[in-house]
Amino acid sequence: TLLAARCAGSGVWELKDSCPKGWRLLYILTAYYRCSEVFKPYLLQFLQEASAHPGLHFQGIAKACEQNLLKTFKYGGRCAFPSTVELQALAGRSSKRQLFLLPGGIERHLKIKTCSVAQDVIQEICFEMGLQQPEAFREYIIFAVSSKSESMRLEGR
């Protein structure tokens, strides 16, 4: 309903921009908010059909929307709306490079997507170390360090 209200209340978009803007909006919504359990199977079917045909326009973003939606249902949606600064940082992009400090002073930049969770980062670092077993993933945690050198543990699950 939010998507329908946004489209109905926005006036007329130029036809050439309406489809890309609609897909970008859906990408953000599926990354941050859960749809209802009633609507979920219909939305998933639509996204799976749109992403199943490599020749179709927007096939890639349809697949990304599907992955976002599945991850949002697995880990939960956002508790707060994204800030203006966060939305501006995402403008035209779906990921950013984030610095991670590893033991021993090692710096590692990883690609973080709008729907990335701490578990994704832990798995990527474990894969790079040659650790493939899920038990190994539970041995590691991530702390967020602020500019004031305060730290906060991020949940990996």
N, C-alpha and C. Protein backbone atom coordinates (compact mmCIF):
# COMPACT_ATOMS: atom_id res chain seq x y z
N THR A 1 0.82 -1.20 0.00
CA THR A 1 0.00 0.00 0.00
C THR A 1 0.85 1.26 0.00
N LEU A 2 2.00 1.21 0.66
CA LEU A 2 2.90 2.36 0.66
C LEU A 2 3.36 2.67 -0.76
N LEU A 3 3.70 1.64 -1.51
CA LEU A 3 4.15 1.84 -2.89
C LEU A 3 3.02 2.44 -3.73
N ALA A 4 1.82 1.94 -3.59
CA ALA A 4 0.68 2.47 -4.35
C ALA A 4 0.40 3.92 -3.96
N ALA A 5 0.47 4.23 -2.67
CA ALA A 5 0.23 5.60 -2.22
C ALA A 5 1.31 6.53 -2.75
N ARG A 6 2.54 6.08 -2.77
CA ARG A 6 3.65 6.91 -3.26
C ARG A 6 3.45 7.21 -4.74
N CYS A 7 3.09 6.22 -5.51
CA CYS A 7 2.90 6.42 -6.95
C CYS A 7 1.69 7.30 -7.23
N ALA A 8 0.61 7.11 -6.49
CA ALA A 8 -0.61 7.89 -6.72
C ALA A 8 -0.45 9.33 -6.28
N GLY A 9 0.31 9.56 -5.22
CA GLY A 9 0.42 10.90 -4.67
C GLY A 9 1.55 11.73 -5.22
N SER A 10 2.32 11.22 -6.13
CA SER A 10 3.52 11.92 -6.56
C SER A 10 3.33 12.76 -7.81
N GLY A 11 2.16 12.75 -8.39
CA GLY A 11 1.99 13.45 -9.66
C GLY A 11 2.43 12.53 -10.78
N VAL A 12 2.65 13.09 -11.93
CA VAL A 12 3.03 12.28 -13.10
C VAL A 12 4.54 12.34 -13.29
N TRP A 13 5.19 11.18 -13.25
CA TRP A 13 6.61 11.10 -13.56
C TRP A 13 6.73 11.06 -15.07
N GLU A 14 7.87 11.46 -15.55
CA GLU A 14 8.12 11.26 -16.98
C GLU A 14 8.15 9.77 -17.23
N LEU A 15 7.58 9.34 -18.32
CA LEU A 15 7.46 7.92 -18.61
C LEU A 15 8.80 7.21 -18.60
N LYS A 16 9.84 7.83 -19.15
CA LYS A 16 11.15 7.17 -19.22
C LYS A 16 11.79 7.00 -17.85
N ASP A 17 11.40 7.81 -16.87
CA ASP A 17 11.97 7.72 -15.53
C ASP A 17 11.12 6.89 -14.57
N SER A 18 9.87 6.65 -14.90
CA SER A 18 8.97 6.03 -13.94
C SER A 18 9.38 4.61 -13.56
N CYS A 19 9.79 3.81 -14.51
CA CYS A 19 10.17 2.43 -14.22
C CYS A 19 11.44 2.35 -13.37
N PRO A 20 12.53 3.03 -13.74
CA PRO A 20 13.72 2.97 -12.88
C PRO A 20 13.46 3.53 -11.48
N LYS A 21 12.68 4.60 -11.38
CA LYS A 21 12.38 5.16 -10.06
C LYS A 21 11.55 4.20 -9.22
N GLY A 22 10.60 3.54 -9.87
CA GLY A 22 9.78 2.56 -9.16
C GLY A 22 10.61 1.40 -8.64
N TRP A 23 11.53 0.89 -9.46
CA TRP A 23 12.40 -0.20 -9.03
C TRP A 23 13.34 0.24 -7.91
N ARG A 24 13.87 1.46 -7.98
CA ARG A 24 14.74 1.96 -6.90
C ARG A 24 13.98 2.09 -5.60
N LEU A 25 12.74 2.58 -5.68
CA LEU A 25 11.91 2.69 -4.48
C LEU A 25 11.64 1.31 -3.91
N LEU A 26 11.30 0.34 -4.76
CA LEU A 26 11.04 -1.02 -4.29
C LEU A 26 12.30 -1.62 -3.67
N TYR A 27 13.47 -1.32 -4.24
CA TYR A 27 14.74 -1.81 -3.69
C TYR A 27 14.93 -1.31 -2.27
N ILE A 28 14.66 -0.03 -2.04
CA ILE A 28 14.81 0.55 -0.70
C ILE A 28 13.78 -0.05 0.25
N LEU A 29 12.53 -0.14 -0.20
CA LEU A 29 11.47 -0.66 0.67
C LEU A 29 11.73 -2.11 1.07
N THR A 30 12.18 -2.94 0.13
CA THR A 30 12.42 -4.35 0.46
C THR A 30 13.64 -4.52 1.35
N ALA A 31 14.55 -3.57 1.33
CA ALA A 31 15.74 -3.65 2.18
C ALA A 31 15.44 -3.24 3.62
N TYR A 32 14.44 -2.39 3.81
CA TYR A 32 14.21 -1.82 5.13
C TYR A 32 12.93 -2.25 5.82
N TYR A 33 11.90 -2.62 5.09
CA TYR A 33 10.60 -2.85 5.70
C TYR A 33 10.01 -4.18 5.28
N ARG A 34 9.32 -4.82 6.22
CA ARG A 34 8.63 -6.06 5.93
C ARG A 34 7.26 -5.76 5.34
N CYS A 35 6.87 -6.53 4.36
CA CYS A 35 5.48 -6.45 3.90
C CYS A 35 4.67 -7.43 4.74
N SER A 36 3.38 -7.42 4.59
CA SER A 36 2.53 -8.32 5.38
C SER A 36 2.74 -9.76 4.91
N GLU A 37 2.41 -10.69 5.79
CA GLU A 37 2.50 -12.12 5.44
C GLU A 37 1.53 -12.46 4.31
N VAL A 38 0.42 -11.74 4.23
CA VAL A 38 -0.56 -11.98 3.17
C VAL A 38 0.01 -11.56 1.81
N PHE A 39 0.70 -10.41 1.78
CA PHE A 39 1.23 -9.87 0.53
C PHE A 39 2.53 -10.55 0.10
N LYS A 40 3.26 -11.11 1.06
CA LYS A 40 4.59 -11.68 0.80
C LYS A 40 4.63 -12.67 -0.36
N PRO A 41 3.75 -13.69 -0.43
CA PRO A 41 3.86 -14.65 -1.54
C PRO A 41 3.64 -14.02 -2.91
N TYR A 42 2.77 -13.02 -2.98
CA TYR A 42 2.51 -12.35 -4.26
C TYR A 42 3.70 -11.51 -4.69
N LEU A 43 4.29 -10.80 -3.74
CA LEU A 43 5.46 -9.97 -4.04
C LEU A 43 6.64 -10.85 -4.43
N LEU A 44 6.86 -11.94 -3.68
CA LEU A 44 7.95 -12.86 -4.01
C LEU A 44 7.76 -13.46 -5.41
N GLN A 45 6.54 -13.87 -5.73
CA GLN A 45 6.29 -14.45 -7.06
C GLN A 45 6.58 -13.42 -8.15
N PHE A 46 6.14 -12.19 -7.95
CA PHE A 46 6.39 -11.13 -8.93
C PHE A 46 7.89 -10.92 -9.12
N LEU A 47 8.63 -10.83 -8.02
CA LEU A 47 10.07 -10.59 -8.10
C LEU A 47 10.80 -11.78 -8.73
N GLN A 48 10.38 -13.00 -8.40
CA GLN A 48 11.01 -14.19 -8.98
C GLN A 48 10.76 -14.26 -10.48
N GLU A 49 9.55 -13.93 -10.90
CA GLU A 49 9.25 -13.95 -12.34
C GLU A 49 10.02 -12.86 -13.07
N ALA A 50 10.13 -11.68 -12.46
CA ALA A 50 10.85 -10.57 -13.10
C ALA A 50 12.34 -10.85 -13.18
N SER A 51 12.87 -11.61 -12.24
CA SER A 51 14.32 -11.87 -12.23
C SER A 51 14.69 -13.16 -12.96
N ALA A 52 13.71 -13.95 -13.37
CA ALA A 52 13.99 -15.26 -13.98
C ALA A 52 14.41 -15.17 -15.44
N HIS A 53 14.16 -14.05 -16.08
CA HIS A 53 14.44 -13.91 -17.50
C HIS A 53 15.55 -12.90 -17.73
N PRO A 54 16.77 -13.37 -18.03
CA PRO A 54 17.92 -12.47 -18.18
C PRO A 54 17.75 -11.38 -19.23
N GLY A 55 16.90 -11.56 -20.21
CA GLY A 55 16.74 -10.56 -21.25
C GLY A 55 15.84 -9.39 -20.86
N LEU A 56 15.08 -9.54 -19.78
CA LEU A 56 14.15 -8.49 -19.39
C LEU A 56 14.86 -7.30 -18.75
N HIS A 57 14.31 -6.12 -19.00
CA HIS A 57 14.84 -4.92 -18.33
C HIS A 57 14.62 -5.08 -16.82
N PHE A 58 15.52 -4.59 -16.05
CA PHE A 58 15.42 -4.56 -14.59
C PHE A 58 15.46 -5.95 -13.96
N GLN A 59 15.97 -6.93 -14.69
CA GLN A 59 16.10 -8.29 -14.16
C GLN A 59 17.03 -8.30 -12.96
N GLY A 60 18.12 -7.56 -13.03
CA GLY A 60 19.10 -7.54 -11.94
C GLY A 60 18.56 -6.92 -10.67
N ILE A 61 17.88 -5.79 -10.80
CA ILE A 61 17.35 -5.13 -9.60
C ILE A 61 16.17 -5.92 -9.03
N ALA A 62 15.44 -6.65 -9.88
CA ALA A 62 14.36 -7.51 -9.38
C ALA A 62 14.94 -8.60 -8.49
N LYS A 63 16.07 -9.19 -8.91
CA LYS A 63 16.73 -10.22 -8.10
C LYS A 63 17.24 -9.62 -6.79
N ALA A 64 17.79 -8.41 -6.85
CA ALA A 64 18.27 -7.74 -5.64
C ALA A 64 17.10 -7.45 -4.69
N CYS A 65 15.96 -7.04 -5.22
CA CYS A 65 14.77 -6.80 -4.40
C CYS A 65 14.32 -8.09 -3.72
N GLU A 66 14.34 -9.19 -4.46
CA GLU A 66 13.96 -10.49 -3.90
C GLU A 66 14.90 -10.87 -2.75
N GLN A 67 16.20 -10.72 -2.96
CA GLN A 67 17.17 -11.03 -1.91
C GLN A 67 16.98 -10.13 -0.69
N ASN A 68 16.73 -8.84 -0.93
CA ASN A 68 16.47 -7.91 0.17
C ASN A 68 15.25 -8.35 0.98
N LEU A 69 14.17 -8.69 0.29
CA LEU A 69 12.94 -9.07 0.96
C LEU A 69 13.14 -10.33 1.81
N LEU A 70 13.82 -11.32 1.26
CA LEU A 70 14.07 -12.56 2.01
C LEU A 70 14.93 -12.28 3.24
N LYS A 71 15.93 -11.43 3.09
CA LYS A 71 16.79 -11.10 4.22
C LYS A 71 16.03 -10.29 5.27
N THR A 72 15.16 -9.40 4.83
CA THR A 72 14.36 -8.61 5.76
C THR A 72 13.44 -9.51 6.57
N PHE A 73 12.87 -10.53 5.95
CA PHE A 73 12.03 -11.46 6.70
C PHE A 73 12.86 -12.35 7.62
N LYS A 74 14.07 -12.67 7.23
CA LYS A 74 14.92 -13.52 8.06
C LYS A 74 15.44 -12.77 9.29
N TYR A 75 15.90 -11.54 9.11
CA TYR A 75 16.55 -10.80 10.19
C TYR A 75 15.69 -9.69 10.78
N GLY A 76 14.59 -9.35 10.14
CA GLY A 76 13.74 -8.26 10.62
C GLY A 76 14.00 -6.99 9.85
N GLY A 77 13.02 -6.14 9.84
CA GLY A 77 13.14 -4.87 9.13
C GLY A 77 13.74 -3.80 10.01
N ARG A 78 13.72 -2.60 9.53
CA ARG A 78 14.26 -1.45 10.24
C ARG A 78 13.32 -1.05 11.37
N CYS A 79 13.89 -0.55 12.46
CA CYS A 79 13.11 0.01 13.56
C CYS A 79 12.81 1.48 13.31
N ALA A 80 13.66 2.15 12.56
CA ALA A 80 13.50 3.58 12.29
C ALA A 80 13.67 3.83 10.80
N PHE A 81 13.03 4.88 10.32
CA PHE A 81 13.18 5.26 8.91
C PHE A 81 14.63 5.64 8.63
N PRO A 82 15.12 5.38 7.43
CA PRO A 82 16.47 5.84 7.09
C PRO A 82 16.52 7.37 7.13
N SER A 83 17.62 7.89 7.62
CA SER A 83 17.78 9.35 7.69
C SER A 83 17.99 9.92 6.29
N THR A 84 17.81 11.22 6.19
CA THR A 84 18.04 11.91 4.92
C THR A 84 19.48 11.71 4.46
N VAL A 85 20.42 11.77 5.40
CA VAL A 85 21.84 11.59 5.08
C VAL A 85 22.07 10.18 4.52
N GLU A 86 21.44 9.18 5.14
CA GLU A 86 21.60 7.80 4.68
C GLU A 86 21.02 7.63 3.27
N LEU A 87 19.85 8.19 3.03
CA LEU A 87 19.25 8.08 1.70
C LEU A 87 20.07 8.81 0.65
N GLN A 88 20.64 9.96 1.01
CA GLN A 88 21.50 10.69 0.07
C GLN A 88 22.76 9.89 -0.24
N ALA A 89 23.31 9.20 0.78
CA ALA A 89 24.51 8.40 0.56
C ALA A 89 24.24 7.24 -0.39
N LEU A 90 23.00 6.76 -0.38
CA LEU A 90 22.63 5.64 -1.24
C LEU A 90 22.19 6.07 -2.63
N ALA A 91 22.01 7.36 -2.84
CA ALA A 91 21.48 7.85 -4.11
C ALA A 91 22.26 7.28 -5.29
N GLY A 92 21.58 6.49 -6.10
CA GLY A 92 22.20 5.93 -7.29
C GLY A 92 23.12 4.76 -7.03
N ARG A 93 23.26 4.33 -5.77
CA ARG A 93 24.15 3.21 -5.45
C ARG A 93 23.40 2.20 -4.59
N SER A 94 23.86 0.98 -4.62
CA SER A 94 23.25 -0.04 -3.78
C SER A 94 24.24 -0.57 -2.74
N SER A 95 25.47 -0.07 -2.75
CA SER A 95 26.45 -0.54 -1.78
C SER A 95 27.49 0.55 -1.52
N LYS A 96 28.26 0.33 -0.46
CA LYS A 96 29.39 1.22 -0.15
C LYS A 96 30.51 0.39 0.41
N ARG A 97 31.71 0.92 0.39
CA ARG A 97 32.87 0.23 0.94
C ARG A 97 33.04 0.68 2.38
N GLN A 98 33.07 -0.26 3.31
CA GLN A 98 33.17 0.04 4.73
C GLN A 98 34.48 -0.51 5.26
N LEU A 99 35.17 0.28 6.07
CA LEU A 99 36.43 -0.14 6.67
C LEU A 99 36.17 -0.99 7.90
N PHE A 100 36.85 -2.13 7.98
CA PHE A 100 36.81 -3.00 9.15
C PHE A 100 38.23 -3.15 9.66
N LEU A 101 38.40 -3.00 10.97
CA LEU A 101 39.71 -3.15 11.60
C LEU A 101 39.78 -4.54 12.22
N LEU A 102 40.74 -5.32 11.78
CA LEU A 102 40.91 -6.69 12.27
C LEU A 102 42.04 -6.72 13.29
N PRO A 103 42.09 -7.76 14.12
CA PRO A 103 43.19 -7.88 15.09
C PRO A 103 44.54 -7.79 14.39
N GLY A 104 45.49 -7.18 15.07
CA GLY A 104 46.82 -7.01 14.51
C GLY A 104 46.94 -5.74 13.68
N GLY A 105 45.93 -4.88 13.75
CA GLY A 105 45.97 -3.62 13.01
C GLY A 105 45.69 -3.76 11.53
N ILE A 106 45.16 -4.89 11.11
CA ILE A 106 44.87 -5.12 9.70
C ILE A 106 43.59 -4.37 9.32
N GLU A 107 43.67 -3.60 8.24
CA GLU A 107 42.50 -2.89 7.74
C GLU A 107 41.93 -3.64 6.55
N ARG A 108 40.61 -3.80 6.54
CA ARG A 108 39.96 -4.52 5.44
C ARG A 108 38.71 -3.76 5.03
N HIS A 109 38.61 -3.43 3.75
CA HIS A 109 37.41 -2.78 3.22
C HIS A 109 36.51 -3.85 2.61
N LEU A 110 35.24 -3.84 3.01
CA LEU A 110 34.27 -4.78 2.47
C LEU A 110 33.09 -4.02 1.87
N LYS A 111 32.48 -4.60 0.87
CA LYS A 111 31.30 -3.99 0.24
C LYS A 111 30.08 -4.29 1.10
N ILE A 112 29.42 -3.22 1.56
CA ILE A 112 28.23 -3.34 2.38
C ILE A 112 27.04 -2.88 1.56
N LYS A 113 26.01 -3.71 1.50
CA LYS A 113 24.79 -3.36 0.76
C LYS A 113 23.75 -2.83 1.74
N THR A 114 22.67 -2.30 1.19
CA THR A 114 21.62 -1.73 2.03
C THR A 114 21.01 -2.75 2.98
N CYS A 115 21.08 -4.00 2.63
CA CYS A 115 20.46 -5.05 3.43
C CYS A 115 21.49 -5.94 4.14
N SER A 116 22.75 -5.52 4.17
CA SER A 116 23.79 -6.32 4.83
C SER A 116 23.57 -6.34 6.34
N VAL A 117 23.87 -7.48 6.94
CA VAL A 117 23.81 -7.62 8.39
C VAL A 117 25.19 -8.08 8.87
N ALA A 118 25.40 -8.01 10.18
CA ALA A 118 26.70 -8.36 10.74
C ALA A 118 27.12 -9.78 10.34
N GLN A 119 26.16 -10.70 10.27
CA GLN A 119 26.47 -12.09 9.90
C GLN A 119 27.09 -12.18 8.51
N ASP A 120 26.65 -11.33 7.58
CA ASP A 120 27.23 -11.32 6.23
C ASP A 120 28.71 -10.97 6.27
N VAL A 121 29.06 -9.98 7.07
CA VAL A 121 30.45 -9.54 7.19
C VAL A 121 31.29 -10.64 7.82
N ILE A 122 30.77 -11.24 8.89
CA ILE A 122 31.50 -12.32 9.56
C ILE A 122 31.75 -13.47 8.59
N GLN A 123 30.73 -13.85 7.82
CA GLN A 123 30.90 -14.95 6.86
C GLN A 123 31.93 -14.60 5.80
N GLU A 124 31.90 -13.39 5.28
CA GLU A 124 32.86 -13.00 4.24
C GLU A 124 34.29 -13.05 4.77
N ILE A 125 34.51 -12.55 5.97
CA ILE A 125 35.86 -12.58 6.55
C ILE A 125 36.28 -14.03 6.82
N CYS A 126 35.36 -14.85 7.32
CA CYS A 126 35.68 -16.26 7.56
C CYS A 126 36.03 -16.98 6.26
N PHE A 127 35.27 -16.72 5.19
CA PHE A 127 35.57 -17.33 3.89
C PHE A 127 36.97 -16.95 3.43
N GLU A 128 37.35 -15.70 3.62
CA GLU A 128 38.69 -15.25 3.22
C GLU A 128 39.78 -15.94 4.03
N MET A 129 39.46 -16.34 5.27
CA MET A 129 40.43 -17.05 6.11
C MET A 129 40.39 -18.55 5.86
N GLY A 130 39.50 -19.00 4.94
CA GLY A 130 39.40 -20.41 4.63
C GLY A 130 38.49 -21.18 5.57
N LEU A 131 37.70 -20.47 6.36
CA LEU A 131 36.76 -21.10 7.28
C LEU A 131 35.39 -21.16 6.62
N GLN A 132 34.91 -22.37 6.34
CA GLN A 132 33.66 -22.54 5.60
C GLN A 132 32.51 -23.06 6.47
N GLN A 133 32.82 -23.55 7.66
CA GLN A 133 31.81 -24.19 8.49
C GLN A 133 31.00 -23.17 9.29
N PRO A 134 29.68 -23.36 9.38
CA PRO A 134 28.84 -22.43 10.15
C PRO A 134 29.26 -22.32 11.62
N GLU A 135 29.84 -23.39 12.17
CA GLU A 135 30.31 -23.33 13.56
C GLU A 135 31.39 -22.27 13.72
N ALA A 136 32.23 -22.12 12.70
CA ALA A 136 33.31 -21.13 12.75
C ALA A 136 32.75 -19.71 12.78
N PHE A 137 31.63 -19.49 12.11
CA PHE A 137 31.05 -18.15 12.07
C PHE A 137 30.63 -17.69 13.46
N ARG A 138 30.23 -18.63 14.31
CA ARG A 138 29.77 -18.27 15.66
C ARG A 138 30.93 -17.91 16.59
N GLU A 139 32.15 -18.16 16.17
CA GLU A 139 33.32 -17.86 16.99
C GLU A 139 33.74 -16.39 16.92
N TYR A 140 33.15 -15.63 16.02
CA TYR A 140 33.57 -14.25 15.79
C TYR A 140 32.41 -13.28 16.01
N ILE A 141 32.77 -12.06 16.42
CA ILE A 141 31.78 -11.00 16.61
C ILE A 141 32.32 -9.72 15.99
N ILE A 142 31.44 -8.75 15.83
CA ILE A 142 31.83 -7.45 15.29
C ILE A 142 31.48 -6.39 16.32
N PHE A 143 32.39 -5.45 16.51
CA PHE A 143 32.15 -4.29 17.35
C PHE A 143 32.16 -3.06 16.47
N ALA A 144 31.26 -2.14 16.73
CA ALA A 144 31.26 -0.85 16.02
C ALA A 144 32.00 0.14 16.90
N VAL A 145 32.95 0.86 16.33
CA VAL A 145 33.73 1.85 17.06
C VAL A 145 33.34 3.23 16.53
N SER A 146 32.91 4.09 17.45
CA SER A 146 32.50 5.44 17.03
C SER A 146 33.71 6.37 17.04
N SER A 147 33.49 7.59 16.61
CA SER A 147 34.59 8.56 16.58
C SER A 147 35.06 8.92 17.98
N LYS A 148 34.26 8.61 18.99
CA LYS A 148 34.65 8.88 20.38
C LYS A 148 35.36 7.67 21.00
N SER A 149 35.73 6.71 20.18
CA SER A 149 36.40 5.47 20.60
C SER A 149 35.53 4.63 21.52
N GLU A 150 34.22 4.82 21.45
CA GLU A 150 33.31 3.96 22.19
C GLU A 150 33.02 2.75 21.30
N SER A 151 32.79 1.61 21.91
CA SER A 151 32.49 0.44 21.10
C SER A 151 31.15 -0.16 21.50
N MET A 152 30.53 -0.86 20.54
CA MET A 152 29.25 -1.48 20.76
C MET A 152 29.25 -2.79 19.99
N ARG A 153 28.85 -3.86 20.64
CA ARG A 153 28.79 -5.16 19.98
C ARG A 153 27.59 -5.20 19.03
N LEU A 154 27.83 -5.68 17.80
CA LEU A 154 26.76 -5.88 16.83
C LEU A 154 26.40 -7.35 16.82
N GLU A 155 25.12 -7.64 16.87
CA GLU A 155 24.67 -9.02 16.87
C GLU A 155 24.92 -9.65 15.51
N GLY A 156 25.45 -10.87 15.51
CA GLY A 156 25.76 -11.57 14.27
C GLY A 156 24.61 -12.41 13.76
N ARG A 157 23.54 -12.51 14.49
CA ARG A 157 22.41 -13.31 14.05
C ARG A 157 21.15 -12.50 14.04
